[in-house]
Amino acid sequence: MPPEVPHYRSLATPLVKSSPPSSPESQFNIPVGRKYFKGNKSMVIPGRKLIPSVVFILACISILRLLRIAITTSPSAPLPPTLQHTCSTPSPACEKAPSHTPSNQTAQQKIAADEPSLTKKEFKLLSDLIKRKAPCNLLVFGAEPQYLRLSSINSGGTTIFLEDDPDKISAARAKSNTTQIYKIDHQTPAKKAYKLLEHARKSPACAPNPEMLQNSSCKLALKNLPREVYELEWNVVVVDGPSGHSPEAPGRMGAIYTASMIARAGNTTDVLVHDVDRTIEKWFSWEFLCDENLVASKGKLWSFRISGKSNSSGFCSDHMVAIE
């Protein structure tokens, strides 16, 4: 007898029964396959198609925003006058010119030069004094445009300006051919003020001695001024120069000291110092013109009245200004 074969046939039976080939129409009647296929299509396919659409929409929005920014900013603010002037014509030099250097700086300096040095109240204090003393001998350190009016106020007197800025000298001479203005050199920077003040206190050569001013060995004495400065007796001396606006710029130490010496050479001299809100002007005015001689002030302008031959042993009768 043949051996018995285990009944595993049911396992070998195909899972799918063979059936006669179906017609194409019958394929659309498979409920499960159709439903499953449609489910996959609704979950995956539409998502892939949406990605390009979203990217396109975002790109359009970005482009529209850029166009809006470009349109709103196209009529930009006009260039500063200095840049317009510098680059009005195309040239290699214009293309290489930096927009933040010399042209802007020069323009700022010109604007500052056009601004009045004295306020109305300060100038009134000065002009009223000249009117009371005119005709007189008036010496001015500095040649600001306002001061040129003092020549006409002091009609019949002598008015001399001492200036170190060539541009201011040219401007002053262009406005008035009769103005006596001299070019002088101030070579001592403002940053040396402290050491010069110490030197003046320790050196006997810096003591009040107007007769020795031209030959003085004091480092503060201005010895190269025009001859008239040393020969005339001055009724009013104004110190508003040199600029002294920075540590490297020429300071007014020598001008204030020399003004104090000139004042003591006459009978009674009024000395006015401007910009006393600055440390150097304040220190040296206290030291050499003395607060007991202060007779008037307005804004940043101090007016001192000094009697000739006063304080021959020293500048001020009371204490010296503390600089330690």
Protein backbone atom coordinates (compact mmCIF):
# COMPACT_ATOMS: atom_id res chain seq x y z
CA MET A 1 0.00 0.00 0.00
CA PRO A 2 1.25 3.34 -0.68
CA PRO A 3 2.12 5.35 2.36
CA GLU A 4 -0.43 7.66 3.72
CA VAL A 5 -0.01 11.23 2.76
CA PRO A 6 -0.78 13.72 5.44
CA HIS A 7 -3.75 15.95 4.78
CA TYR A 8 -1.92 19.20 4.07
CA ARG A 9 -3.69 19.82 0.89
CA SER A 10 -5.77 22.53 2.38
CA LEU A 11 -2.55 24.48 2.97
CA ALA A 12 -1.42 24.01 -0.61
CA THR A 13 -4.68 25.20 -1.93
CA PRO A 14 -4.28 28.53 -3.57
CA LEU A 15 -5.54 31.45 -1.53
CA VAL A 16 -7.26 32.84 -4.57
CA LYS A 17 -9.56 30.68 -6.41
CA SER A 18 -9.05 30.53 -10.08
CA SER A 19 -11.86 32.00 -11.98
CA PRO A 20 -12.52 32.60 -15.53
CA PRO A 21 -11.06 35.80 -16.85
CA SER A 22 -13.26 38.68 -16.10
CA SER A 23 -14.29 41.30 -18.54
CA PRO A 24 -12.91 44.83 -18.28
CA GLU A 25 -16.25 46.04 -17.06
CA SER A 26 -16.19 43.60 -14.15
CA GLN A 27 -12.96 45.13 -12.81
CA PHE A 28 -14.81 48.23 -11.87
CA ASN A 29 -17.14 46.19 -9.72
CA ILE A 30 -14.52 45.18 -7.17
CA PRO A 31 -15.72 47.06 -4.12
CA VAL A 32 -12.73 46.53 -1.82
CA GLY A 33 -9.97 47.28 -4.34
CA ARG A 34 -11.77 50.32 -5.64
CA LYS A 35 -12.37 51.71 -2.19
CA TYR A 36 -8.78 51.10 -1.04
CA PHE A 37 -7.35 52.68 -4.18
CA LYS A 38 -9.53 55.75 -3.81
CA GLY A 39 -8.50 56.08 -0.17
CA ASN A 40 -4.80 56.20 -1.05
CA LYS A 41 -5.47 58.72 -3.78
CA SER A 42 -7.34 61.10 -1.48
CA MET A 43 -4.64 60.99 1.23
CA VAL A 44 -1.39 61.27 -0.82
CA ILE A 45 -1.83 62.54 -4.33
CA PRO A 46 -3.57 65.87 -3.55
CA GLY A 47 -0.87 66.77 -0.99
CA ARG A 48 1.90 66.46 -3.55
CA LYS A 49 0.04 68.65 -5.95
CA LEU A 50 -0.51 71.34 -3.30
CA ILE A 51 3.23 71.83 -2.57
CA PRO A 52 4.07 73.54 -5.90
CA SER A 53 0.97 75.68 -5.57
CA VAL A 54 1.92 76.85 -2.08
CA VAL A 55 5.47 77.61 -3.18
CA PHE A 56 4.17 79.58 -6.15
CA ILE A 57 1.81 81.61 -3.96
CA LEU A 58 4.55 82.44 -1.44
CA ALA A 59 6.91 83.44 -4.24
CA CYS A 60 4.28 85.76 -5.67
CA ILE A 61 3.69 87.36 -2.28
CA SER A 62 7.43 87.93 -1.81
CA ILE A 63 7.75 89.49 -5.25
CA LEU A 64 4.79 91.78 -4.59
CA ARG A 65 6.29 92.91 -1.28
CA LEU A 66 9.63 93.69 -2.93
CA LEU A 67 7.88 95.66 -5.66
CA ARG A 68 5.95 97.60 -3.04
CA ILE A 69 9.11 98.45 -1.11
CA ALA A 70 10.87 99.51 -4.30
CA ILE A 71 7.96 101.73 -5.35
CA THR A 72 7.60 103.41 -1.95
CA THR A 73 11.32 104.09 -1.56
CA SER A 74 12.11 105.14 -5.12
CA PRO A 75 11.47 108.88 -4.53
CA SER A 76 14.16 108.95 -1.86
CA ALA A 77 15.21 112.01 0.05
CA PRO A 78 17.54 114.35 -1.84
CA LEU A 79 21.25 114.12 -1.22
CA PRO A 80 22.85 116.59 1.15
CA PRO A 81 24.00 119.75 -0.64
CA THR A 82 27.65 118.76 -0.27
CA LEU A 83 27.12 115.45 -2.02
CA GLN A 84 25.00 117.01 -4.73
CA HIS A 85 27.69 119.56 -5.39
CA THR A 86 30.51 117.04 -5.30
CA CYS A 87 28.86 114.50 -7.58
CA SER A 88 26.82 116.73 -9.87
CA THR A 89 28.81 115.54 -12.89
CA PRO A 90 29.97 111.96 -13.47
CA SER A 91 33.72 111.60 -13.25
CA PRO A 92 36.25 109.10 -11.85
CA ALA A 93 37.09 111.53 -9.06
CA CYS A 94 33.44 111.81 -8.14
CA GLU A 95 33.01 108.05 -8.01
CA LYS A 96 35.99 107.67 -5.71
CA ALA A 97 35.06 110.51 -3.38
CA PRO A 98 33.89 109.13 -0.01
CA SER A 99 30.59 110.52 1.16
CA HIS A 100 31.62 111.05 4.79
CA THR A 101 34.89 112.90 4.58
CA PRO A 102 36.30 116.24 3.56
CA SER A 103 33.22 117.62 1.77
CA ASN A 104 30.89 117.06 4.73
CA GLN A 105 33.49 118.23 7.22
CA THR A 106 34.18 121.41 5.23
CA ALA A 107 30.47 122.12 4.96
CA GLN A 108 30.03 121.73 8.71
CA GLN A 109 32.93 124.10 9.33
CA LYS A 110 31.39 126.68 6.98
CA ILE A 111 28.03 126.36 8.70
CA ALA A 112 29.72 126.81 12.09
CA ALA A 113 31.59 129.84 10.75
CA ASP A 114 28.35 131.45 9.61
CA GLU A 115 26.77 131.09 13.03
CA PRO A 116 27.15 134.16 15.27
CA SER A 117 29.86 133.89 17.89
CA LEU A 118 28.03 136.09 20.39
CA THR A 119 24.40 136.00 21.35
CA LYS A 120 22.38 139.21 21.06
CA LYS A 121 22.68 139.90 24.78
CA GLU A 122 26.43 139.22 24.77
CA PHE A 123 27.00 141.49 21.80
CA LYS A 124 24.89 144.21 23.41
CA LEU A 125 27.08 144.10 26.51
CA LEU A 126 30.17 144.52 24.34
CA SER A 127 28.78 147.14 21.95
CA ASP A 128 27.36 149.24 24.79
CA LEU A 129 30.80 149.29 26.38
CA ILE A 130 32.41 150.44 23.12
CA LYS A 131 29.78 153.14 22.67
CA ARG A 132 30.54 154.53 26.13
CA LYS A 133 34.28 154.56 25.47
CA ALA A 134 34.35 155.55 21.79
CA PRO A 135 36.51 156.82 20.33
CA CYS A 136 38.99 154.49 21.98
CA ASN A 137 41.71 151.95 21.33
CA LEU A 138 40.12 148.54 20.80
CA LEU A 139 42.12 145.32 20.41
CA VAL A 140 40.35 142.09 19.45
CA PHE A 141 41.82 138.58 19.46
CA GLY A 142 39.66 136.97 16.77
CA ALA A 143 37.85 138.21 13.68
CA GLU A 144 34.32 136.88 13.86
CA PRO A 145 31.91 138.63 11.46
CA GLN A 146 30.06 140.26 14.37
CA TYR A 147 33.19 142.00 15.59
CA LEU A 148 33.62 143.87 12.32
CA ARG A 149 30.69 146.05 13.37
CA LEU A 150 32.77 147.30 16.27
CA SER A 151 34.94 149.30 13.87
CA SER A 152 32.00 151.49 12.89
CA ILE A 153 30.84 151.76 16.51
CA ASN A 154 34.34 152.89 17.45
CA SER A 155 34.38 155.55 14.76
CA GLY A 156 37.33 157.88 15.18
CA GLY A 157 39.20 155.37 17.35
CA THR A 158 41.69 152.61 16.60
CA THR A 159 40.44 149.06 16.14
CA ILE A 160 42.85 146.20 15.46
CA PHE A 161 41.99 142.55 14.94
CA LEU A 162 44.44 139.68 15.49
CA GLU A 163 43.47 136.47 13.68
CA ASP A 164 45.19 133.18 12.80
CA ASP A 165 42.59 131.82 10.36
CA PRO A 166 43.32 132.90 6.74
CA ASP A 167 39.72 132.34 5.69
CA LYS A 168 38.39 134.69 8.35
CA ILE A 169 41.00 137.28 7.39
CA SER A 170 39.96 137.13 3.75
CA ALA A 171 36.28 137.40 4.64
CA ALA A 172 36.92 140.36 6.93
CA ARG A 173 38.95 142.23 4.33
CA ALA A 174 36.31 141.56 1.69
CA LYS A 175 33.68 143.24 3.85
CA SER A 176 35.79 146.20 4.90
CA ASN A 177 38.96 147.46 3.25
CA THR A 178 39.62 149.84 6.13
CA THR A 179 39.67 147.10 8.79
CA GLN A 180 43.06 146.69 10.42
CA ILE A 181 43.52 142.97 10.70
CA TYR A 182 46.80 141.14 11.24
CA LYS A 183 47.69 137.52 10.69
CA ILE A 184 49.31 136.00 13.77
CA ASP A 185 50.32 132.45 14.67
CA HIS A 186 49.09 130.61 17.74
CA GLN A 187 51.21 127.48 17.94
CA THR A 188 50.43 126.29 21.47
CA PRO A 189 47.68 123.63 21.56
CA ALA A 190 44.98 123.77 24.18
CA LYS A 191 46.09 120.45 25.68
CA LYS A 192 49.16 122.19 27.18
CA ALA A 193 47.09 124.59 29.29
CA TYR A 194 47.66 122.80 32.61
CA LYS A 195 51.46 122.71 32.28
CA LEU A 196 51.55 126.34 31.17
CA LEU A 197 49.53 127.41 34.19
CA GLU A 198 51.96 125.59 36.49
CA HIS A 199 54.86 127.23 34.66
CA ALA A 200 53.33 130.70 35.10
CA ARG A 201 52.92 130.18 38.85
CA LYS A 202 56.49 129.02 39.36
CA SER A 203 58.34 131.32 36.93
CA PRO A 204 59.18 134.89 38.06
CA ALA A 205 59.28 135.85 34.36
CA CYS A 206 55.49 135.48 34.21
CA ALA A 207 54.84 138.00 36.99
CA PRO A 208 53.07 141.24 35.96
CA ASN A 209 55.62 143.36 34.12
CA PRO A 210 54.11 144.93 30.99
CA GLU A 211 57.29 146.71 30.01
CA MET A 212 59.05 143.37 29.52
CA LEU A 213 56.29 141.67 27.52
CA GLN A 214 58.12 141.68 24.18
CA ASN A 215 61.29 140.33 25.74
CA SER A 216 59.68 138.08 28.33
CA SER A 217 60.89 134.53 28.83
CA CYS A 218 57.44 133.48 30.08
CA LYS A 219 56.05 130.76 27.84
CA LEU A 220 52.64 132.41 27.86
CA ALA A 221 53.78 135.76 26.49
CA LEU A 222 52.91 136.50 22.87
CA LYS A 223 56.01 138.30 21.62
CA ASN A 224 55.46 138.39 17.86
CA LEU A 225 52.41 140.65 17.68
CA PRO A 226 52.31 143.81 15.55
CA ARG A 227 54.34 146.71 16.92
CA GLU A 228 51.20 148.80 17.61
CA VAL A 229 49.98 146.22 20.12
CA TYR A 230 52.91 146.93 22.44
CA GLU A 231 53.08 150.68 21.84
CA LEU A 232 49.45 151.77 22.31
CA GLU A 233 47.53 151.99 25.55
CA TRP A 234 44.39 149.94 25.05
CA ASN A 235 41.01 150.88 26.47
CA VAL A 236 39.26 147.62 25.58
CA VAL A 237 40.70 144.18 24.82
CA VAL A 238 38.48 141.33 23.63
CA VAL A 239 39.64 137.71 23.69
CA ASP A 240 37.64 135.44 21.38
CA GLY A 241 40.48 133.73 19.56
CA PRO A 242 42.11 131.49 18.63
CA SER A 243 39.44 128.78 18.37
CA GLY A 244 40.51 126.50 21.25
CA HIS A 245 37.66 124.12 20.40
CA SER A 246 39.71 120.91 20.78
CA PRO A 247 42.85 119.71 22.61
CA GLU A 248 44.90 119.90 19.41
CA ALA A 249 43.60 123.32 18.36
CA PRO A 250 45.44 126.49 19.41
CA GLY A 251 44.34 127.53 22.87
CA ARG A 252 43.68 130.99 24.33
CA MET A 253 46.15 130.69 27.20
CA GLY A 254 48.64 133.13 25.69
CA ALA A 255 45.94 135.52 24.50
CA ILE A 256 44.40 135.85 27.98
CA TYR A 257 47.79 136.21 29.68
CA THR A 258 48.96 138.81 27.13
CA ALA A 259 45.67 140.70 27.45
CA SER A 260 46.16 140.88 31.21
CA MET A 261 49.68 142.27 30.74
CA ILE A 262 48.51 144.83 28.16
CA ALA A 263 45.70 145.93 30.48
CA ARG A 264 48.13 146.62 33.32
CA ALA A 265 50.23 148.82 31.04
CA GLY A 266 47.46 151.44 30.71
CA ASN A 267 45.36 153.40 33.12
CA THR A 268 42.10 151.46 33.14
CA THR A 269 41.39 148.73 30.63
CA ASP A 270 38.32 146.57 30.12
CA VAL A 271 39.13 142.98 29.14
CA LEU A 272 36.33 140.77 27.86
CA VAL A 273 36.74 137.01 27.49
CA HIS A 274 34.29 134.88 25.56
CA ASP A 275 33.49 131.15 25.97
CA VAL A 276 34.07 131.18 29.72
CA ASP A 277 31.96 128.04 29.94
CA ARG A 278 35.11 126.21 28.79
CA THR A 279 37.73 125.20 31.34
CA ILE A 280 40.74 126.99 29.85
CA GLU A 281 38.99 130.32 29.44
CA LYS A 282 37.64 130.08 32.98
CA TRP A 283 40.94 129.00 34.60
CA PHE A 284 43.10 131.62 32.92
CA SER A 285 40.58 134.42 33.45
CA TRP A 286 40.49 133.69 37.18
CA GLU A 287 44.26 133.40 37.33
CA PHE A 288 45.36 136.50 35.38
CA LEU A 289 42.32 138.80 35.25
CA CYS A 290 41.08 137.98 38.76
CA ASP A 291 37.51 137.53 39.89
CA GLU A 292 37.64 140.71 42.04
CA ASN A 293 37.98 142.64 38.75
CA LEU A 294 34.86 141.07 37.21
CA VAL A 295 32.36 143.88 36.66
CA ALA A 296 29.80 142.35 34.29
CA SER A 297 28.82 139.11 32.62
CA LYS A 298 26.27 137.98 30.11
CA GLY A 299 25.93 134.41 28.91
CA LYS A 300 29.43 133.14 28.12
CA LEU A 301 31.02 136.61 28.14
CA TRP A 302 32.90 137.98 31.14
CA SER A 303 33.95 141.62 31.44
CA PHE A 304 36.87 142.58 33.71
CA ARG A 305 38.07 146.09 34.55
CA ILE A 306 41.75 146.31 35.42
CA SER A 307 43.52 149.34 36.78
CA GLY A 308 46.97 150.06 35.47
CA LYS A 309 49.94 149.13 37.66
CA SER A 310 47.63 147.06 39.85
CA ASN A 311 48.89 143.95 41.62
CA SER A 312 52.51 144.55 40.70
CA SER A 313 53.63 141.74 43.00
CA GLY A 314 51.11 139.29 41.55
CA PHE A 315 48.02 139.09 39.41
CA CYS A 316 45.30 138.50 41.99
CA SER A 317 45.14 139.71 45.57
CA ASP A 318 43.17 136.70 46.82
CA HIS A 319 43.69 132.97 46.33
CA MET A 320 44.63 131.40 43.02
CA VAL A 321 42.30 129.03 41.24
CA ALA A 322 42.89 125.43 42.35
CA ILE A 323 43.80 123.15 39.45
CA GLU A 324 44.96 120.07 41.32
